[in-house]
Amino acid sequence: MNVLGISAGFHDAGVAGIQDNKIVFASHSERYSKIKHDARLNQQIVDECLSQIGKPDVIAYYERPWLKKTRQLYAGQWDDFLTGWSVRKIVNEVDPKGLLQDVPIKTFPHHKSHAAAGFQTSPYKDATVVVIDAIGEWDTMTIWDARYDSKGNAKYRKLWSQQYPHSIGLLYSAFTKEVGLRPLDEEYILMGMAAYGNSYFRDLYRSILIEDPYTLTFKHNLHLGLPYHNDYGDHQYDIAASAQELTELLIRIVIQRARKLGQSKNLVYMGGVALNCKANSELGNYFDSVWIMPNPGDAGSSLGAAALAYGKRLEWQDAYLGYDIKGPYPIKEIISELMNTKIVGVANGRAEFGPRALGNRSLLADPRGPEIKDQVNAIKRRQKFRPFAPVILEEFVDEYFMMPTNWHTSDYMQITAPCREPGLFPAIVHQDGTSRVQTVPKNSNSGIRQLLEQWYTWTGCPMLLNTSLNIRGEPMVNDRSDADRFEKKYGVKVYS
């Protein structure tokens, strides 16, 4: 069974192709169009997917368009409501020859697509699934029981939900806008800012914004932004810290409810809010094991829709599912450049599916020097307060980091952990003493694993600084021509 999964129309369009239980291709529209958070499909990404899976038996779409229209009508989003579009129209725009005209289309609920992208790629036979995002059609938070029946079919039962306009994701986006950042884009910067502030305003925000934290109801529709505006001046970091703590409190309430309602002690956590690494670090306090598919937002739901159309467990190996820059991983060249300049780019193999570079589209640096962080920030041309992540050989993680409860590894850079030796690795330690850790397992055949092993042999250091390889204002590098533009613009060597 060949399935073409699609997420498109709002933000962060994505495409996934599966053949039975094999994930053959999955990527982001933005990587091909070079438009960050591109909502539209484009010809290149669809052609790339179809070249690998052939003609699909079914096209799976990640939400129910008619249901979303009812919410847009309720919300007074007249321009969106009156815009005439359909899934067939979205497909037709990238199918000029009409090759997909006779392929049936199936649509699935937005939050169920999130849930399936997590559960059907997880190692679990059963799980309690939590989805928290800004907004789907109507749902903003859901809890599910997920398990496979005797025939291997994935079954989902919704245990609880909260609906628009009550939304943790919209709360965080409203605060993102409040401190002068772009909502639905720069929430991760707000998370980084929080470490520099004090949460003086948390209780004030709670009293002004939250109707009842235990029913997760809000006094205002935060889709419209905050009901007041601060001249925040020097307080933007305190606003960020307060917003982060309030968000963590609300997430904790959802997770506690999931633990009470769900039968399984395995947690699958999805939705855009699952990208909040600091909040994720607490999840192991409530569940024995946690799985977050490395693309938990809307682009990842292209894979979730495909999973629902297939109906059974997918074979998950790693997140390297996108465009392939062929050739052996350039270990020798990277180490030579690190020894000479301490900073180097790599664009090799299949691109990562998800918002985080995991070694195939990465800017790498020696984490030990006090000057490295400023040098990388200068190259990336970004705010100095933003943290960088370490990528480390799995077997050394406990020696250098205090991993959170039930997080023994972090293959996809999804949690923060205090660094045991912050003075030795200033480039990868944030203001609060933590690092957003990426571990590389022993059984990995990835290039980054082989590179780290060689780097350790040469230096005795089992980690590198790892950040995404991208030109400022653009998505991550996808192909070699993108890497060439990066080299030319920033004067940093990128090896393939």
Foldseek 3Di string as FASTA:
>chain_A
DWEWFWFADDWFIKIWIDDQQAGQFIATQQQVVQAHRHRAHAQVQVVVRCVGRPQGLAYFYQADVVLLLVVCVVVVVVVVNPDDDDVVRSVCVNCVPCPCVPRYYDYDHNVLLLQQLFPLADPDQWAWEWEAAQATSWWHIWIWTWHADPVQFIDIDTQDTDTPLLHLNLLLQLLCVQLPHHRPHCSVVLLLLLLVAAQPCQVVCCVQFPPDLLVSHTPDRSNVHDPDHDPCVVNSSNSSNSSVVNSLSSVVSSLVVSLVRYPALEYEYAEPVLQSAASVLCNLVRGLAYTYQQARYSNSSSVSRRSVVSRHRHHDDFQQRHFAPDDAFPLVVVVVCCVVPQKAFEAHTGAGHHQWGQPNQKIKGAQFDPCVQVVVCVLQVDDSQGAWAKEFALVCDVVFWDGGRNPSFAQNLRHKTATPCCNRGVRQAHSNRIGSYHYDYPPDPDPVNVNLVVVCVVPVDGIITIGGNAHPSTGGNGYVVRVVVSCVVRVHYYYD
